[in-house]
């Protein structure tokens, strides 16, 4: 992973700025660890959910038409940050398995 993005991500996870959620990149109540990374790269790509539809935001993928499901970052985010897809999946599993942002930041420091 690109060292600058790694450091920004770790700092953001530890900052207290982001509340944590599970199973989606971003919900109205917070972000998953990968949603934090997406937000750091381009916070203007979030699409608010339609009223009474759902409680999660979509993250627009400029390489695809329309809005796509958002449980994992789009490929361009992985390419920009240098995060490999298998590591992204491991991090999603940690996040959804109950690891805190602090624990995830520590894991990233030692494994990414």
Foldseek 3Di string as FASTA:
>chain_A
DPPVLLVVLLCQLPVPPFDADAQFQFFQRTGFSQVSSLCVVPVVQWAQDDPPPGGGIFGDDVVDPDTDGGRFDDPVSCVVRVPDPVVRVVSNCCRNVDPGSNRSSVCSVVPD
